[in-house]
PDB file of N, CA and C in Angstrom:
ATOM      1  N   MET A   1     187.020 -73.374 -41.383  1.00  0.00           N
ATOM      2  CA  MET A   1     187.290 -73.048 -42.815  1.00  0.00           C
ATOM      3  C   MET A   1     188.325 -71.899 -42.958  1.00  0.00           C
ATOM      4  N   VAL A   2     188.069 -70.891 -42.195  1.00  0.00           N
ATOM      5  CA  VAL A   2     188.866 -69.693 -42.286  1.00  0.00           C
ATOM      6  C   VAL A   2     190.325 -69.994 -41.859  1.00  0.00           C
ATOM      7  N   VAL A   3     190.471 -70.727 -40.742  1.00  0.00           N
ATOM      8  CA  VAL A   3     191.798 -71.062 -40.238  1.00  0.00           C
ATOM      9  C   VAL A   3     192.534 -71.891 -41.266  1.00  0.00           C
ATOM     10  N   GLU A   4     191.875 -72.855 -41.889  1.00  0.00           N
ATOM     11  CA  GLU A   4     192.503 -73.693 -42.911  1.00  0.00           C
ATOM     12  C   GLU A   4     192.880 -72.813 -44.111  1.00  0.00           C
ATOM     13  N   ALA A   5     192.030 -71.918 -44.520  1.00  0.00           N
ATOM     14  CA  ALA A   5     192.344 -71.083 -45.652  1.00  0.00           C
ATOM     15  C   ALA A   5     193.485 -70.143 -45.358  1.00  0.00           C
ATOM     16  N   ARG A   6     193.604 -69.666 -44.112  1.00  0.00           N
ATOM     17  CA  ARG A   6     194.707 -68.806 -43.782  1.00  0.00           C
ATOM     18  C   ARG A   6     196.073 -69.497 -43.717  1.00  0.00           C
ATOM     19  N   ARG A   7     196.033 -70.809 -43.446  1.00  0.00           N
ATOM     20  CA  ARG A   7     197.246 -71.583 -43.403  1.00  0.00           C
ATOM     21  C   ARG A   7     197.884 -71.741 -44.837  1.00  0.00           C
ATOM     22  N   ASP A   8     197.020 -71.812 -45.801  1.00  0.00           N
ATOM     23  CA  ASP A   8     197.480 -71.999 -47.177  1.00  0.00           C
ATOM     24  C   ASP A   8     197.837 -70.612 -47.734  1.00  0.00           C
ATOM     25  N   PRO A   9     199.168 -70.361 -48.006  1.00  0.00           N
ATOM     26  CA  PRO A   9     199.563 -69.024 -48.496  1.00  0.00           C
ATOM     27  C   PRO A   9     198.877 -68.580 -49.795  1.00  0.00           C
ATOM     28  N   ALA A  10     198.488 -69.511 -50.605  1.00  0.00           N
ATOM     29  CA  ALA A  10     197.862 -69.209 -51.878  1.00  0.00           C
ATOM     30  C   ALA A  10     196.506 -68.629 -51.700  1.00  0.00           C
ATOM     31  N   SER A  11     195.771 -69.079 -50.645  1.00  0.00           N
ATOM     32  CA  SER A  11     194.380 -68.640 -50.462  1.00  0.00           C
ATOM     33  C   SER A  11     194.232 -67.781 -49.215  1.00  0.00           C
ATOM     34  N   ALA A  12     195.344 -67.400 -48.582  1.00  0.00           N
ATOM     35  CA  ALA A  12     195.249 -66.590 -47.345  1.00  0.00           C
ATOM     36  C   ALA A  12     194.720 -65.208 -47.585  1.00  0.00           C
ATOM     37  N   ALA A  13     195.173 -64.563 -48.651  1.00  0.00           N
ATOM     38  CA  ALA A  13     194.673 -63.206 -48.927  1.00  0.00           C
ATOM     39  C   ALA A  13     193.180 -63.230 -49.274  1.00  0.00           C
ATOM     40  N   GLY A  14     192.414 -62.466 -48.521  1.00  0.00           N
ATOM     41  CA  GLY A  14     190.976 -62.342 -48.786  1.00  0.00           C
ATOM     42  C   GLY A  14     190.199 -63.606 -48.383  1.00  0.00           C
ATOM     43  N   ALA A  15     190.736 -64.418 -47.517  1.00  0.00           N
ATOM     44  CA  ALA A  15     190.081 -65.629 -47.099  1.00  0.00           C
ATOM     45  C   ALA A  15     188.750 -65.359 -46.379  1.00  0.00           C
ATOM     46  N   ILE A  16     188.764 -64.387 -45.491  1.00  0.00           N
ATOM     47  CA  ILE A  16     187.581 -64.086 -44.701  1.00  0.00           C
ATOM     48  C   ILE A  16     186.485 -63.567 -45.625  1.00  0.00           C
ATOM     49  N   LYS A  17     186.870 -62.663 -46.552  1.00  0.00           N
ATOM     50  CA  LYS A  17     185.831 -62.118 -47.452  1.00  0.00           C
ATOM     51  C   LYS A  17     185.232 -63.210 -48.324  1.00  0.00           C
ATOM     52  N   ARG A  18     186.077 -64.005 -48.856  1.00  0.00           N
ATOM     53  CA  ARG A  18     185.634 -65.104 -49.748  1.00  0.00           C
ATOM     54  C   ARG A  18     184.701 -66.090 -49.002  1.00  0.00           C
ATOM     55  N   ILE A  19     185.140 -66.539 -47.834  1.00  0.00           N
ATOM     56  CA  ILE A  19     184.330 -67.503 -47.069  1.00  0.00           C
ATOM     57  C   ILE A  19     183.063 -66.838 -46.556  1.00  0.00           C
ATOM     58  N   ALA A  20     183.119 -65.572 -46.161  1.00  0.00           N
ATOM     59  CA  ALA A  20     181.905 -64.896 -45.710  1.00  0.00           C
ATOM     60  C   ALA A  20     180.868 -64.838 -46.833  1.00  0.00           C
ATOM     61  N   ASP A  21     181.340 -64.574 -48.071  1.00  0.00           N
ATOM     62  CA  ASP A  21     180.434 -64.571 -49.238  1.00  0.00           C
ATOM     63  C   ASP A  21     179.838 -65.948 -49.441  1.00  0.00           C
ATOM     64  N   GLN A  22     180.621 -67.002 -49.323  1.00  0.00           N
ATOM     65  CA  GLN A  22     180.137 -68.337 -49.435  1.00  0.00           C
ATOM     66  C   GLN A  22     179.073 -68.643 -48.404  1.00  0.00           C
ATOM     67  N   LEU A  23     179.304 -68.232 -47.205  1.00  0.00           N
ATOM     68  CA  LEU A  23     178.391 -68.521 -46.088  1.00  0.00           C
ATOM     69  C   LEU A  23     177.148 -67.602 -46.048  1.00  0.00           C
ATOM     70  N   GLY A  24     177.268 -66.465 -46.741  1.00  0.00           N
ATOM     71  CA  GLY A  24     176.196 -65.487 -46.736  1.00  0.00           C
ATOM     72  C   GLY A  24     176.140 -64.667 -45.487  1.00  0.00           C
ATOM     73  N   VAL A  25     177.288 -64.421 -44.901  1.00  0.00           N
ATOM     74  CA  VAL A  25     177.364 -63.547 -43.714  1.00  0.00           C
ATOM     75  C   VAL A  25     178.283 -62.363 -44.019  1.00  0.00           C
ATOM     76  N   HIS A  26     178.187 -61.350 -43.202  1.00  0.00           N
ATOM     77  CA  HIS A  26     179.031 -60.165 -43.388  1.00  0.00           C
ATOM     78  C   HIS A  26     180.473 -60.511 -42.977  1.00  0.00           C
ATOM     79  N   PRO A  27     181.439 -60.016 -43.701  1.00  0.00           N
ATOM     80  CA  PRO A  27     182.840 -60.394 -43.406  1.00  0.00           C
ATOM     81  C   PRO A  27     183.268 -59.981 -42.010  1.00  0.00           C
ATOM     82  N   GLU A  28     182.796 -58.868 -41.459  1.00  0.00           N
ATOM     83  CA  GLU A  28     183.156 -58.462 -40.139  1.00  0.00           C
ATOM     84  C   GLU A  28     182.590 -59.401 -39.067  1.00  0.00           C
ATOM     85  N   ALA A  29     181.413 -59.917 -39.331  1.00  0.00           N
ATOM     86  CA  ALA A  29     180.821 -60.911 -38.406  1.00  0.00           C
ATOM     87  C   ALA A  29     181.692 -62.154 -38.350  1.00  0.00           C
ATOM     88  N   LEU A  30     182.097 -62.636 -39.560  1.00  0.00           N
ATOM     89  CA  LEU A  30     182.975 -63.799 -39.629  1.00  0.00           C
ATOM     90  C   LEU A  30     184.310 -63.541 -38.973  1.00  0.00           C
ATOM     91  N   ARG A  31     184.846 -62.346 -39.200  1.00  0.00           N
ATOM     92  CA  ARG A  31     186.113 -61.982 -38.609  1.00  0.00           C
ATOM     93  C   ARG A  31     186.052 -62.000 -37.096  1.00  0.00           C
ATOM     94  N   THR A  32     184.947 -61.448 -36.541  1.00  0.00           N
ATOM     95  CA  THR A  32     184.715 -61.464 -35.095  1.00  0.00           C
ATOM     96  C   THR A  32     184.603 -62.878 -34.514  1.00  0.00           C
ATOM     97  N   TRP A  33     183.940 -63.746 -35.267  1.00  0.00           N
ATOM     98  CA  TRP A  33     183.787 -65.141 -34.821  1.00  0.00           C
ATOM     99  C   TRP A  33     185.153 -65.852 -34.831  1.00  0.00           C
ATOM    100  N   VAL A  34     185.926 -65.564 -35.849  1.00  0.00           N
ATOM    101  CA  VAL A  34     187.275 -66.199 -35.969  1.00  0.00           C
ATOM    102  C   VAL A  34     188.142 -65.701 -34.832  1.00  0.00           C
ATOM    103  N   LYS A  35     188.115 -64.415 -34.500  1.00  0.00           N
ATOM    104  CA  LYS A  35     188.921 -63.871 -33.412  1.00  0.00           C
ATOM    105  C   LYS A  35     188.494 -64.533 -32.085  1.00  0.00           C
ATOM    106  N   GLN A  36     187.210 -64.668 -31.889  1.00  0.00           N
ATOM    107  CA  GLN A  36     186.700 -65.255 -30.608  1.00  0.00           C
ATOM    108  C   GLN A  36     187.123 -66.728 -30.524  1.00  0.00           C
ATOM    109  N   ALA A  37     187.030 -67.442 -31.650  1.00  0.00           N
ATOM    110  CA  ALA A  37     187.404 -68.878 -31.662  1.00  0.00           C
ATOM    111  C   ALA A  37     188.884 -68.988 -31.350  1.00  0.00           C
ATOM    112  N   GLU A  38     189.718 -68.111 -31.926  1.00  0.00           N
ATOM    113  CA  GLU A  38     191.185 -68.149 -31.679  1.00  0.00           C
ATOM    114  C   GLU A  38     191.467 -67.825 -30.221  1.00  0.00           C
ATOM    115  N   THR A  39     190.708 -66.899 -29.635  1.00  0.00           N
ATOM    116  CA  THR A  39     190.912 -66.550 -28.212  1.00  0.00           C
ATOM    117  C   THR A  39     190.516 -67.709 -27.344  1.00  0.00           C
ATOM    118  N   ASP A  40     189.356 -68.395 -27.709  1.00  0.00           N
ATOM    119  CA  ASP A  40     188.949 -69.523 -26.903  1.00  0.00           C
ATOM    120  C   ASP A  40     189.931 -70.662 -27.008  1.00  0.00           C
ATOM    121  N   GLU A  41     190.568 -70.843 -28.167  1.00  0.00           N
ATOM    122  CA  GLU A  41     191.548 -71.898 -28.335  1.00  0.00           C
ATOM    123  C   GLU A  41     192.939 -71.522 -27.795  1.00  0.00           C
ATOM    124  N   ARG A  42     193.069 -70.334 -27.277  1.00  0.00           N
ATOM    125  CA  ARG A  42     194.336 -69.797 -26.739  1.00  0.00           C
ATOM    126  C   ARG A  42     195.384 -69.589 -27.795  1.00  0.00           C
ATOM    127  N   THR A  43     195.012 -69.436 -29.073  1.00  0.00           N
ATOM    128  CA  THR A  43     195.996 -69.110 -30.038  1.00  0.00           C
ATOM    129  C   THR A  43     196.077 -67.557 -30.222  1.00  0.00           C
ATOM    130  N   ARG A  44     195.231 -66.815 -29.518  1.00  0.00           N
ATOM    131  CA  ARG A  44     195.263 -65.380 -29.562  1.00  0.00           C
ATOM    132  C   ARG A  44     195.068 -64.895 -28.139  1.00  0.00           C
ATOM    133  N   PRO A  45     195.822 -63.866 -27.691  1.00  0.00           N
ATOM    134  CA  PRO A  45     195.691 -63.426 -26.311  1.00  0.00           C
ATOM    135  C   PRO A  45     194.303 -62.784 -26.100  1.00  0.00           C
ATOM    136  N   GLY A  46     193.768 -62.917 -24.896  1.00  0.00           N
ATOM    137  CA  GLY A  46     192.473 -62.374 -24.568  1.00  0.00           C
ATOM    138  C   GLY A  46     191.753 -63.256 -23.588  1.00  0.00           C
ATOM    139  N   THR A  47     190.530 -62.809 -23.279  1.00  0.00           N
ATOM    140  CA  THR A  47     189.720 -63.566 -22.329  1.00  0.00           C
ATOM    141  C   THR A  47     188.780 -64.515 -23.070  1.00  0.00           C
ATOM    142  N   ALA A  48     188.798 -65.770 -22.729  1.00  0.00           N
ATOM    143  CA  ALA A  48     187.960 -66.733 -23.396  1.00  0.00           C
ATOM    144  C   ALA A  48     186.471 -66.487 -23.062  1.00  0.00           C
ATOM    145  N   SER A  49     185.583 -66.999 -23.880  1.00  0.00           N
ATOM    146  CA  SER A  49     184.178 -66.755 -23.669  1.00  0.00           C
ATOM    147  C   SER A  49     183.679 -67.262 -22.313  1.00  0.00           C
ATOM    148  N   THR A  50     184.117 -68.454 -21.961  1.00  0.00           N
ATOM    149  CA  THR A  50     183.683 -69.003 -20.653  1.00  0.00           C
ATOM    150  C   THR A  50     184.237 -68.200 -19.519  1.00  0.00           C
ATOM    151  N   GLU A  51     185.478 -67.747 -19.623  1.00  0.00           N
ATOM    152  CA  GLU A  51     186.053 -66.894 -18.583  1.00  0.00           C
ATOM    153  C   GLU A  51     185.318 -65.559 -18.472  1.00  0.00           C
ATOM    154  N   ALA A  52     184.982 -64.972 -19.605  1.00  0.00           N
ATOM    155  CA  ALA A  52     184.305 -63.694 -19.634  1.00  0.00           C
ATOM    156  C   ALA A  52     182.935 -63.854 -18.984  1.00  0.00           C
ATOM    157  N   ALA A  53     182.237 -64.914 -19.267  1.00  0.00           N
ATOM    158  CA  ALA A  53     180.946 -65.160 -18.669  1.00  0.00           C
ATOM    159  C   ALA A  53     181.084 -65.346 -17.135  1.00  0.00           C
ATOM    160  N   ARG A  54     182.102 -66.078 -16.694  1.00  0.00           N
ATOM    161  CA  ARG A  54     182.344 -66.289 -15.293  1.00  0.00           C
ATOM    162  C   ARG A  54     182.656 -64.999 -14.585  1.00  0.00           C
ATOM    163  N   ILE A  55     183.461 -64.199 -15.227  1.00  0.00           N
ATOM    164  CA  ILE A  55     183.878 -62.878 -14.644  1.00  0.00           C
ATOM    165  C   ILE A  55     182.594 -61.995 -14.498  1.00  0.00           C
ATOM    166  N   ALA A  56     181.779 -61.955 -15.523  1.00  0.00           N
ATOM    167  CA  ALA A  56     180.564 -61.185 -15.468  1.00  0.00           C
ATOM    168  C   ALA A  56     179.646 -61.627 -14.331  1.00  0.00           C
ATOM    169  N   GLU A  57     179.578 -62.961 -14.184  1.00  0.00           N
ATOM    170  CA  GLU A  57     178.721 -63.557 -13.099  1.00  0.00           C
ATOM    171  C   GLU A  57     179.292 -63.153 -11.719  1.00  0.00           C
ATOM    172  N   LEU A  58     180.571 -63.245 -11.572  1.00  0.00           N
ATOM    173  CA  LEU A  58     181.190 -62.853 -10.300  1.00  0.00           C
ATOM    174  C   LEU A  58     181.056 -61.368 -10.002  1.00  0.00           C
ATOM    175  N   GLU A  59     181.179 -60.530 -11.016  1.00  0.00           N
ATOM    176  CA  GLU A  59     181.013 -59.134 -10.785  1.00  0.00           C
ATOM    177  C   GLU A  59     179.567 -58.739 -10.380  1.00  0.00           C
ATOM    178  N   ARG A  60     178.623 -59.476 -10.953  1.00  0.00           N
ATOM    179  CA  ARG A  60     177.201 -59.287 -10.621  1.00  0.00           C
ATOM    180  C   ARG A  60     176.989 -59.732  -9.163  1.00  0.00           C
ATOM    181  N   GLU A  61     177.603 -60.861  -8.742  1.00  0.00           N
ATOM    182  CA  GLU A  61     177.463 -61.313  -7.370  1.00  0.00           C
ATOM    183  C   GLU A  61     178.095 -60.343  -6.403  1.00  0.00           C
ATOM    184  N   VAL A  62     179.219 -59.791  -6.764  1.00  0.00           N
ATOM    185  CA  VAL A  62     179.912 -58.755  -5.876  1.00  0.00           C
ATOM    186  C   VAL A  62     178.988 -57.554  -5.708  1.00  0.00           C
ATOM    187  N   ARG A  63     178.369 -57.101  -6.798  1.00  0.00           N
ATOM    188  CA  ARG A  63     177.491 -55.960  -6.698  1.00  0.00           C
ATOM    189  C   ARG A  63     176.310 -56.256  -5.755  1.00  0.00           C
ATOM    190  N   GLU A  64     175.737 -57.477  -5.896  1.00  0.00           N
ATOM    191  CA  GLU A  64     174.594 -57.876  -5.015  1.00  0.00           C
ATOM    192  C   GLU A  64     175.039 -57.935  -3.552  1.00  0.00           C
ATOM    193  N   LEU A  65     176.227 -58.478  -3.279  1.00  0.00           N
ATOM    194  CA  LEU A  65     176.691 -58.616  -1.919  1.00  0.00           C
ATOM    195  C   LEU A  65     176.989 -57.246  -1.338  1.00  0.00           C
ATOM    196  N   ARG A  66     177.544 -56.355  -2.118  1.00  0.00           N
ATOM    197  CA  ARG A  66     177.865 -54.996  -1.616  1.00  0.00           C
ATOM    198  C   ARG A  66     176.522 -54.290  -1.257  1.00  0.00           C
ATOM    199  N   ARG A  67     175.509 -54.456  -2.103  1.00  0.00           N
ATOM    200  CA  ARG A  67     174.208 -53.885  -1.870  1.00  0.00           C
ATOM    201  C   ARG A  67     173.647 -54.428  -0.587  1.00  0.00           C
ATOM    202  N   ALA A  68     173.695 -55.745  -0.425  1.00  0.00           N
ATOM    203  CA  ALA A  68     173.164 -56.378   0.783  1.00  0.00           C
ATOM    204  C   ALA A  68     173.906 -55.871   2.015  1.00  0.00           C
ATOM    205  N   ASN A  69     175.242 -55.712   1.941  1.00  0.00           N
ATOM    206  CA  ASN A  69     176.010 -55.203   3.057  1.00  0.00           C
ATOM    207  C   ASN A  69     175.574 -53.779   3.396  1.00  0.00           C
ATOM    208  N   GLN A  70     175.351 -52.940   2.414  1.00  0.00           N
ATOM    209  CA  GLN A  70     174.892 -51.578   2.687  1.00  0.00           C
ATOM    210  C   GLN A  70     173.555 -51.566   3.351  1.00  0.00           C
ATOM    211  N   ILE A  71     172.641 -52.437   2.882  1.00  0.00           N
ATOM    212  CA  ILE A  71     171.321 -52.544   3.487  1.00  0.00           C
ATOM    213  C   ILE A  71     171.466 -52.941   4.989  1.00  0.00           C
ATOM    214  N   LEU A  72     172.298 -53.947   5.206  1.00  0.00           N
ATOM    215  CA  LEU A  72     172.498 -54.478   6.588  1.00  0.00           C
ATOM    216  C   LEU A  72     173.123 -53.395   7.470  1.00  0.00           C
ATOM    217  N   LYS A  73     174.065 -52.629   6.934  1.00  0.00           N
ATOM    218  CA  LYS A  73     174.654 -51.525   7.717  1.00  0.00           C
ATOM    219  C   LYS A  73     173.628 -50.500   8.095  1.00  0.00           C
ATOM    220  N   SER A  74     172.772 -50.163   7.108  1.00  0.00           N
ATOM    221  CA  SER A  74     171.707 -49.160   7.398  1.00  0.00           C
ATOM    222  C   SER A  74     170.724 -49.697   8.416  1.00  0.00           C
ATOM    223  N   ALA A  75     170.379 -50.969   8.316  1.00  0.00           N
ATOM    224  CA  ALA A  75     169.426 -51.543   9.259  1.00  0.00           C
ATOM    225  C   ALA A  75     170.057 -51.589  10.660  1.00  0.00           C
ATOM    226  N   ALA A  76     171.337 -51.951  10.752  1.00  0.00           N
ATOM    227  CA  ALA A  76     172.018 -52.002  12.053  1.00  0.00           C
ATOM    228  C   ALA A  76     172.044 -50.657  12.717  1.00  0.00           C
ATOM    229  N   SER A  77     172.339 -49.605  11.942  1.00  0.00           N
ATOM    230  CA  SER A  77     172.423 -48.258  12.557  1.00  0.00           C
ATOM    231  C   SER A  77     171.000 -47.776  12.918  1.00  0.00           C
ATOM    232  N   PHE A  78     169.999 -48.149  12.135  1.00  0.00           N
ATOM    233  CA  PHE A  78     168.590 -47.770  12.482  1.00  0.00           C
ATOM    234  C   PHE A  78     168.170 -48.436  13.784  1.00  0.00           C
ATOM    235  N   PHE A  79     168.433 -49.769  13.894  1.00  0.00           N
ATOM    236  CA  PHE A  79     168.040 -50.454  15.126  1.00  0.00           C
ATOM    237  C   PHE A  79     168.897 -50.033  16.330  1.00  0.00           C
ATOM    238  N   ALA A  80     170.129 -49.697  16.108  1.00  0.00           N
ATOM    239  CA  ALA A  80     170.992 -49.216  17.188  1.00  0.00           C
ATOM    240  C   ALA A  80     170.429 -47.897  17.725  1.00  0.00           C
ATOM    241  N   ALA A  81     170.030 -47.028  16.859  1.00  0.00           N
ATOM    242  CA  ALA A  81     169.512 -45.730  17.287  1.00  0.00           C
ATOM    243  C   ALA A  81     168.186 -45.952  18.015  1.00  0.00           C
ATOM    244  N   GLU A  82     167.369 -46.854  17.505  1.00  0.00           N
ATOM    245  CA  GLU A  82     166.084 -47.138  18.196  1.00  0.00           C
ATOM    246  C   GLU A  82     166.305 -47.764  19.568  1.00  0.00           C
ATOM    247  N   LEU A  83     167.295 -48.610  19.674  1.00  0.00           N
ATOM    248  CA  LEU A  83     167.639 -49.256  20.925  1.00  0.00           C
ATOM    249  C   LEU A  83     168.062 -48.226  21.941  1.00  0.00           C
ATOM    250  N   CYS A  84     168.879 -47.256  21.499  1.00  0.00           N
ATOM    251  CA  CYS A  84     169.362 -46.218  22.394  1.00  0.00           C
ATOM    252  C   CYS A  84     168.163 -45.354  22.869  1.00  0.00           C
ATOM    253  N   ALA A  85     167.262 -45.056  21.950  1.00  0.00           N
ATOM    254  CA  ALA A  85     166.059 -44.271  22.329  1.00  0.00           C
ATOM    255  C   ALA A  85     165.168 -45.051  23.285  1.00  0.00           C
ATOM    256  N   THR A  86     165.079 -46.318  23.115  1.00  0.00           N
ATOM    257  CA  THR A  86     164.247 -47.180  24.012  1.00  0.00           C
ATOM    258  C   THR A  86     164.934 -47.255  25.359  1.00  0.00           C
ATOM    259  N   ARG A  87     166.226 -47.397  25.424  1.00  0.00           N
ATOM    260  CA  ARG A  87     166.949 -47.407  26.728  1.00  0.00           C
ATOM    261  C   ARG A  87     166.810 -46.092  27.487  1.00  0.00           C
ATOM    262  N   ARG A  88     166.815 -44.986  26.761  1.00  0.00           N
ATOM    263  CA  ARG A  88     166.696 -43.676  27.418  1.00  0.00           C
ATOM    264  C   ARG A  88     165.302 -43.587  28.011  1.00  0.00           C
ATOM    265  N   CYS A  89     164.306 -44.057  27.308  1.00  0.00           N
ATOM    266  CA  CYS A  89     162.949 -43.994  27.761  1.00  0.00           C
ATOM    267  C   CYS A  89     162.764 -44.898  28.995  1.00  0.00           C
ATOM    268  N   VAL A  90     163.352 -46.050  28.923  1.00  0.00           N
ATOM    269  CA  VAL A  90     163.278 -47.019  30.074  1.00  0.00           C
ATOM    270  C   VAL A  90     164.031 -46.439  31.248  1.00  0.00           C
ATOM    271  N   ASP A  91     165.219 -45.882  31.025  1.00  0.00           N
ATOM    272  CA  ASP A  91     165.991 -45.283  32.096  1.00  0.00           C
ATOM    273  C   ASP A  91     165.257 -44.151  32.768  1.00  0.00           C
ATOM    274  N   ARG A  92     164.610 -43.269  31.983  1.00  0.00           N
ATOM    275  CA  ARG A  92     163.845 -42.146  32.531  1.00  0.00           C
ATOM    276  C   ARG A  92     162.675 -42.696  33.395  1.00  0.00           C
ATOM    277  N   GLY A  93     162.044 -43.723  32.912  1.00  0.00           N
ATOM    278  CA  GLY A  93     160.924 -44.339  33.680  1.00  0.00           C
ATOM    279  C   GLY A  93     161.461 -44.897  35.010  1.00  0.00           C
ATOM    280  N   ALA A  94     162.595 -45.508  34.980  1.00  0.00           N
ATOM    281  CA  ALA A  94     163.186 -46.081  36.176  1.00  0.00           C
ATOM    282  C   ALA A  94     163.500 -44.982  37.157  1.00  0.00           C
ATOM    283  N   VAL A  95     164.049 -43.902  36.701  1.00  0.00           N
ATOM    284  CA  VAL A  95     164.361 -42.773  37.532  1.00  0.00           C
ATOM    285  C   VAL A  95     163.134 -42.192  38.155  1.00  0.00           C
ATOM    286  N   ARG A  96     162.082 -42.053  37.368  1.00  0.00           N
ATOM    287  CA  ARG A  96     160.788 -41.534  37.872  1.00  0.00           C
ATOM    288  C   ARG A  96     160.217 -42.472  38.928  1.00  0.00           C
ATOM    289  N   ASP A  97     160.308 -43.792  38.701  1.00  0.00           N
ATOM    290  CA  ASP A  97     159.763 -44.744  39.671  1.00  0.00           C
ATOM    291  C   ASP A  97     160.536 -44.679  40.973  1.00  0.00           C
ATOM    292  N   ARG A  98     161.864 -44.498  40.885  1.00  0.00           N
ATOM    293  CA  ARG A  98     162.675 -44.416  42.082  1.00  0.00           C
ATOM    294  C   ARG A  98     162.331 -43.123  42.865  1.00  0.00           C
ATOM    295  N   SER A  99     162.118 -42.014  42.074  1.00  0.00           N
ATOM    296  CA  SER A  99     161.758 -40.765  42.705  1.00  0.00           C
ATOM    297  C   SER A  99     160.428 -40.878  43.457  1.00  0.00           C
ATOM    298  N   ARG A 100     159.464 -41.539  42.772  1.00  0.00           N
ATOM    299  CA  ARG A 100     158.173 -41.705  43.450  1.00  0.00           C
ATOM    300  C   ARG A 100     158.292 -42.553  44.705  1.00  0.00           C
ATOM    301  N   GLN A 101     159.081 -43.594  44.605  1.00  0.00           N
ATOM    302  CA  GLN A 101     159.251 -44.467  45.749  1.00  0.00           C
ATOM    303  C   GLN A 101     159.953 -43.695  46.900  1.00  0.00           C
ATOM    304  N   ALA A 102     160.890 -42.865  46.545  1.00  0.00           N
ATOM    305  CA  ALA A 102     161.579 -42.082  47.580  1.00  0.00           C
ATOM    306  C   ALA A 102     160.678 -41.078  48.218  1.00  0.00           C
ATOM    307  N   VAL A 103     159.783 -40.457  47.431  1.00  0.00           N
ATOM    308  CA  VAL A 103     158.804 -39.474  47.941  1.00  0.00           C
ATOM    309  C   VAL A 103     157.779 -40.226  48.794  1.00  0.00           C
ATOM    310  N   ALA A 104     157.337 -41.412  48.358  1.00  0.00           N
ATOM    311  CA  ALA A 104     156.348 -42.169  49.092  1.00  0.00           C
ATOM    312  C   ALA A 104     156.903 -42.676  50.419  1.00  0.00           C
ATOM    313  N   ALA A 105     158.195 -43.016  50.430  1.00  0.00           N
ATOM    314  CA  ALA A 105     158.785 -43.533  51.643  1.00  0.00           C
ATOM    315  C   ALA A 105     159.035 -42.389  52.662  1.00  0.00           C
ATOM    316  N   ALA A 106     159.086 -41.163  52.206  1.00  0.00           N
ATOM    317  CA  ALA A 106     159.413 -40.081  53.113  1.00  0.00           C
ATOM    318  C   ALA A 106     158.202 -39.607  53.817  1.00  0.00           C
TER     319      ALA A 106
END
């Protein structure tokens, strides 16, 4: 309705206000809807609704993946440190066993 009213020069002035009153909505709400419809139809520059939703979804996915990567990095460093500690303990035990064997053999 608004787009048609804007095309007609005689009714273009105040078209949004007049149509908003007819529909019982606030003029700014109608103006926002018209702008979004024009953006979706590519008659106005901007991001279409479907593209905006997809961008938001992808940004959310990127945040989740970054968080998962951070958790995995933390876990890897934790287990690496534990592995080093376990190896030191095993190595000390092996040295002790060799020392005992050397003393027993002598």
